[in-house]
């Protein structure tokens, strides 16, 4: 399948990139929930990644970080997996964060406007007992430095879950992704948000992003261990993945019985645990 020719942004509009993507999210915040709500499995896949973190005891006594929380879908997923934990949810887009904060949350959840690439500068220092980052790493300008910084504010033994698109290693996945973007996602973005530019960026950025092997190596380079990758069922199999890792040292806070997701619809292992 040949890739369609990229469209040029409208006059006066910048092409969306990792350097300005938070501004694009600001522009699309009001329609974002309707867009992702039309994606079959979007919310369940986030809840699956949160469950795969293996957080024990409903998160009692734990402080968790939702990094790149957007309008709060990943926060909701983390809260479902750990209803007794404290959750700090962070995003660089003020408008996306405002959409999230306007929803109903327990007092254990707080939202903070901060850039994921400068958490300490924003006063987000932890230590955290677990971190969920959904659709974030692909949008970073310095992925390696950010992953190292996240590892530094985690407690020893704490789990990390990166919930991400990754298609580079699979020609079939790249073809399916392109077909879905150009027949469904981008046209729907034009219809519901008045512009498809953010969703054209989504298409481009996923094609350009790390493959499964590349991102697992990036996690190892940032100091994480016990790395495991699982995908999801349906058309997004081998497109959407949960990348799991753990900060070395201390007592492993992960409950292995909670991380198992052996078959669809729970998930499919694409790499074996180390």
Protein backbone atom coordinates (compact mmCIF):
# COMPACT_ATOMS: atom_id res chain seq x y z
CA UNK A 1 0.00 0.00 0.00
CA UNK A 2 1.47 3.34 -1.02
CA UNK A 3 1.27 6.15 1.51
CA UNK A 4 -0.95 9.09 0.60
CA UNK A 5 0.66 12.41 -0.12
CA UNK A 6 0.81 14.55 3.02
CA UNK A 7 -1.53 17.50 3.06
CA UNK A 8 -0.16 20.96 3.64
CA UNK A 9 -1.43 22.80 6.71
CA UNK A 10 -3.87 25.61 6.06
CA UNK A 11 -2.33 29.09 5.56
CA UNK A 12 -1.30 30.56 8.89
CA UNK A 13 -1.23 27.13 10.55
CA UNK A 14 2.03 25.52 11.57
CA UNK A 15 2.66 21.89 10.81
CA UNK A 16 2.27 19.99 14.08
CA UNK A 17 5.45 18.48 15.50
CA UNK A 18 6.73 17.27 18.86
CA UNK A 19 8.00 20.79 19.50
CA UNK A 20 4.51 22.36 19.35
CA UNK A 21 2.13 19.43 19.84
CA UNK A 22 0.86 20.72 23.21
CA UNK A 23 -0.45 23.82 21.39
CA UNK A 24 -2.31 21.59 18.94
CA UNK A 25 -3.80 19.65 21.83
CA UNK A 26 -4.96 22.98 23.31
CA UNK A 27 -6.82 23.70 20.06
CA UNK A 28 -8.47 20.27 19.96
CA UNK A 29 -9.18 19.78 23.67
CA UNK A 30 -12.91 20.50 23.45
CA UNK A 31 -13.50 17.77 20.85
CA UNK A 32 -10.85 15.28 21.97
CA UNK A 33 -13.07 13.08 24.14
CA UNK A 34 -15.56 12.66 21.31
CA UNK A 35 -12.75 11.64 18.96
CA UNK A 36 -11.23 9.00 21.22
CA UNK A 37 -14.68 7.82 22.26
CA UNK A 38 -15.22 6.75 18.65
CA UNK A 39 -12.11 4.53 18.82
CA UNK A 40 -13.22 0.97 19.72
CA UNK A 41 -11.27 -0.28 22.71
CA UNK A 42 -9.53 3.02 23.51
CA UNK A 43 -10.61 3.21 27.15
CA UNK A 44 -10.43 -0.54 27.77
CA UNK A 45 -6.90 -0.68 26.39
CA UNK A 46 -5.83 2.06 28.81
CA UNK A 47 -7.42 0.15 31.69
CA UNK A 48 -5.62 -2.99 30.52
CA UNK A 49 -2.23 -1.23 30.59
CA UNK A 50 -2.95 0.11 34.07
CA UNK A 51 -3.89 -3.39 35.29
CA UNK A 52 -0.73 -4.81 33.75
CA UNK A 53 1.33 -2.64 36.10
CA UNK A 54 0.48 -5.17 38.79
CA UNK A 55 -0.30 -2.61 41.50
CA UNK A 56 -1.16 -4.58 44.66
CA UNK A 57 -3.70 -3.93 47.41
CA UNK A 58 -5.78 -1.49 45.33
CA UNK A 59 -2.84 0.92 45.54
CA UNK A 60 -3.29 1.49 49.26
CA UNK A 61 -0.53 3.73 50.63
CA UNK A 62 0.93 4.33 47.15
CA UNK A 63 1.53 7.51 45.17
CA UNK A 64 1.20 7.06 41.40
CA UNK A 65 2.04 9.35 38.50
CA UNK A 66 -0.11 9.64 35.36
CA UNK A 67 2.29 11.32 32.95
CA UNK A 68 0.64 12.94 29.94
CA UNK A 69 -2.88 12.56 31.33
CA UNK A 70 -4.64 14.51 28.56
CA UNK A 71 -8.35 14.82 29.27
CA UNK A 72 -8.15 12.22 32.02
CA UNK A 73 -8.80 8.90 30.26
CA UNK A 74 -5.51 7.43 31.50
CA UNK A 75 -6.18 8.88 34.97
CA UNK A 76 -9.50 7.07 35.02
CA UNK A 77 -7.73 3.86 33.99
CA UNK A 78 -5.13 4.23 36.74
CA UNK A 79 -7.82 4.99 39.30
CA UNK A 80 -9.73 1.85 38.29
CA UNK A 81 -6.60 -0.26 38.80
CA UNK A 82 -5.61 1.42 42.08
CA UNK A 83 -8.67 3.09 43.63
CA UNK A 84 -6.99 3.59 47.02
CA UNK A 85 -3.82 5.24 45.69
CA UNK A 86 -2.96 8.93 45.50
CA UNK A 87 -2.61 9.95 41.86
CA UNK A 88 -0.81 12.97 40.46
CA UNK A 89 -1.84 13.57 36.84
CA UNK A 90 0.35 15.81 34.70
CA UNK A 91 -0.03 17.31 31.23
CA UNK A 92 1.64 20.07 29.22
CA UNK A 93 -1.59 21.19 27.53
CA UNK A 94 -3.54 23.64 29.67
CA UNK A 95 -6.77 23.07 27.77
CA UNK A 96 -6.57 19.27 27.88
CA UNK A 97 -5.83 19.50 31.60
CA UNK A 98 -8.81 21.81 32.09
CA UNK A 99 -11.06 19.24 30.40
CA UNK A 100 -9.71 16.57 32.76
CA UNK A 101 -10.00 18.66 35.92
CA UNK A 102 -13.62 19.58 35.14
CA UNK A 103 -14.67 15.95 35.55
CA UNK A 104 -15.61 14.37 38.89
CA UNK A 105 -12.69 12.88 40.81
CA UNK A 106 -12.04 11.69 44.36
CA UNK A 107 -9.86 13.95 46.54
CA UNK A 108 -6.94 11.55 46.08
CA UNK A 109 -6.49 12.73 42.46
CA UNK A 110 -4.78 16.03 41.64
CA UNK A 111 -3.94 17.60 38.28
CA UNK A 112 -0.77 19.58 37.61
CA UNK A 113 0.15 21.62 34.55
CA UNK A 114 3.73 20.64 33.78
CA UNK A 115 5.99 19.64 30.91
CA UNK A 116 6.94 15.95 31.09
CA UNK A 117 10.44 16.94 30.02
CA UNK A 118 10.92 19.16 33.10
CA UNK A 119 9.06 17.50 35.94
CA UNK A 120 11.50 18.45 38.68
CA UNK A 121 11.42 22.07 37.53
CA UNK A 122 7.65 21.98 38.00
CA UNK A 123 7.98 20.52 41.50
CA UNK A 124 7.03 16.96 40.49
CA UNK A 125 9.67 15.08 42.44
CA UNK A 126 7.96 11.98 43.85
CA UNK A 127 9.06 9.50 44.85
CA UNK A 128 6.38 7.59 42.94
CA UNK A 129 5.35 3.98 43.46
CA UNK A 130 4.37 3.56 39.81
CA UNK A 131 4.14 5.57 36.58
CA UNK A 132 1.72 5.27 33.67
CA UNK A 133 2.54 7.26 30.51
CA UNK A 134 -0.05 6.86 27.74
CA UNK A 135 0.73 8.04 24.21
CA UNK A 136 3.45 10.31 25.63
CA UNK A 137 6.93 9.12 24.70
CA UNK A 138 6.28 9.49 20.97
CA UNK A 139 5.57 13.20 21.54
CA UNK A 140 8.75 14.00 23.46
CA UNK A 141 11.63 15.95 21.95
CA UNK A 142 14.22 14.20 24.18
CA UNK A 143 12.88 10.73 24.91
CA UNK A 144 15.99 9.29 26.52
CA UNK A 145 16.53 12.16 28.94
CA UNK A 146 12.87 12.15 29.96
CA UNK A 147 12.81 8.41 30.63
CA UNK A 148 15.97 8.74 32.74
CA UNK A 149 14.40 11.61 34.67
CA UNK A 150 11.21 9.62 35.27
CA UNK A 151 13.25 6.68 36.54
CA UNK A 152 15.01 8.97 39.02
CA UNK A 153 11.75 10.07 40.68
CA UNK A 154 10.44 6.52 41.10
CA UNK A 155 10.90 4.37 44.17
CA UNK A 156 13.18 1.32 43.76
CA UNK A 157 11.10 -1.59 42.51
CA UNK A 158 8.31 0.61 41.15
CA UNK A 159 6.66 -0.29 37.81
CA UNK A 160 6.53 1.82 34.65
CA UNK A 161 3.92 1.28 31.92
CA UNK A 162 4.27 3.02 28.57
CA UNK A 163 1.03 2.69 26.62
CA UNK A 164 2.03 3.40 23.03
CA UNK A 165 1.49 2.91 19.34
CA UNK A 166 4.42 1.08 17.73
CA UNK A 167 4.34 -0.14 14.12
CA UNK A 168 7.88 0.25 12.79
CA UNK A 169 8.77 -3.45 13.12
CA UNK A 170 5.74 -4.69 11.16
CA UNK A 171 4.91 -3.82 7.52
CA UNK A 172 1.37 -5.13 8.10
CA UNK A 173 0.90 -2.88 11.13
CA UNK A 174 2.17 0.14 9.20
CA UNK A 175 -0.24 -0.57 6.34
CA UNK A 176 -3.22 -1.05 8.66
CA UNK A 177 -2.33 2.10 10.59
CA UNK A 178 -2.10 4.20 7.44
CA UNK A 179 -5.37 2.82 6.07
CA UNK A 180 -7.27 3.52 9.30
CA UNK A 181 -5.80 7.01 9.67
CA UNK A 182 -6.69 8.13 6.15
CA UNK A 183 -10.11 6.50 5.90
CA UNK A 184 -11.37 7.11 9.45
CA UNK A 185 -9.26 9.15 11.89
CA UNK A 186 -8.18 12.11 9.75
CA UNK A 187 -11.57 12.59 8.05
CA UNK A 188 -13.28 12.37 11.43
CA UNK A 189 -10.88 14.97 12.80
CA UNK A 190 -11.81 17.33 9.98
CA UNK A 191 -15.51 16.72 10.61
CA UNK A 192 -15.55 16.95 14.41
CA UNK A 193 -12.70 19.34 15.13
CA UNK A 194 -12.64 21.40 11.95
CA UNK A 195 -9.07 20.35 11.13
CA UNK A 196 -7.24 17.11 10.50
CA UNK A 197 -3.75 18.50 11.19
CA UNK A 198 -3.39 17.02 14.69
CA UNK A 199 -4.48 13.64 13.33
CA UNK A 200 -2.16 13.87 10.34
CA UNK A 201 0.58 14.46 12.92
CA UNK A 202 -0.67 11.38 14.79
CA UNK A 203 -0.31 9.32 11.59
CA UNK A 204 3.18 10.66 10.82
CA UNK A 205 4.49 10.44 14.37
CA UNK A 206 3.41 6.81 14.81
CA UNK A 207 5.10 5.78 11.55
CA UNK A 208 8.29 7.56 12.61
CA UNK A 209 8.28 6.29 16.20
CA UNK A 210 10.34 3.46 17.71
CA UNK A 211 9.53 -0.13 16.95
CA UNK A 212 8.98 -2.54 19.82
CA UNK A 213 12.67 -3.47 19.87
CA UNK A 214 13.75 0.15 19.74
CA UNK A 215 11.57 1.30 22.62
CA UNK A 216 12.49 -1.63 24.84
CA UNK A 217 16.17 -0.82 24.24
CA UNK A 218 15.45 2.82 25.06
CA UNK A 219 13.86 1.71 28.35
CA UNK A 220 16.89 -0.43 29.18
CA UNK A 221 19.16 2.50 28.39
CA UNK A 222 17.20 4.62 30.88
CA UNK A 223 17.87 2.04 33.60
CA UNK A 224 14.67 -0.01 33.66
CA UNK A 225 14.70 -3.79 34.01
CA UNK A 226 12.26 -6.73 33.83
CA UNK A 227 11.01 -5.35 30.53
CA UNK A 228 7.99 -7.00 28.95
CA UNK A 229 5.74 -5.95 26.05
CA UNK A 230 2.14 -6.94 25.41
CA UNK A 231 -0.26 -5.90 22.67
CA UNK A 232 -4.06 -5.86 22.49
CA UNK A 233 -6.75 -7.66 20.53
CA UNK A 234 -8.71 -6.53 17.50
CA UNK A 235 -7.52 -4.35 14.61
CA UNK A 236 -5.04 -2.65 16.95
CA UNK A 237 -3.15 -5.90 17.62
CA UNK A 238 0.57 -5.23 17.07
CA UNK A 239 -0.22 -1.51 16.83
CA UNK A 240 -1.08 -0.59 20.44
CA UNK A 241 1.24 -2.01 23.12
CA UNK A 242 1.93 -1.91 26.83
CA UNK A 243 5.67 -1.56 27.49
CA UNK A 244 6.32 -2.63 31.07
CA UNK A 245 9.49 -2.07 33.07
CA UNK A 246 10.61 -1.68 36.65
CA UNK A 247 13.12 0.48 38.48
CA UNK A 248 15.87 -1.76 39.90
CA UNK A 249 16.55 -2.21 43.57
CA UNK A 250 14.49 -2.20 46.72
CA UNK A 251 11.47 -4.43 47.10
CA UNK A 252 9.55 -5.25 43.94
CA UNK A 253 6.11 -3.71 44.52
CA UNK A 254 4.58 -5.44 41.50
CA UNK A 255 2.17 -8.32 42.04
CA UNK A 256 3.07 -10.74 39.20
CA UNK A 257 -0.36 -12.34 39.33
CA UNK A 258 -1.90 -9.04 38.24
CA UNK A 259 0.38 -8.51 35.23
CA UNK A 260 -0.65 -11.68 33.40
CA UNK A 261 -2.62 -11.08 30.20
CA UNK A 262 -2.22 -14.31 28.22
CA UNK A 263 -4.79 -14.26 25.41
CA UNK A 264 -7.26 -11.96 23.63
CA UNK A 265 -9.16 -9.95 24.69
CA UNK A 266 -6.76 -9.49 27.60
CA UNK A 267 -3.65 -9.23 25.46
CA UNK A 268 -0.95 -11.06 23.54
CA UNK A 269 2.70 -11.28 24.59
CA UNK A 270 5.02 -10.02 21.89
CA UNK A 271 8.22 -10.31 23.89
CA UNK A 272 9.03 -12.64 26.73
CA UNK A 273 10.01 -11.36 30.19
CA UNK A 274 13.74 -11.10 30.73
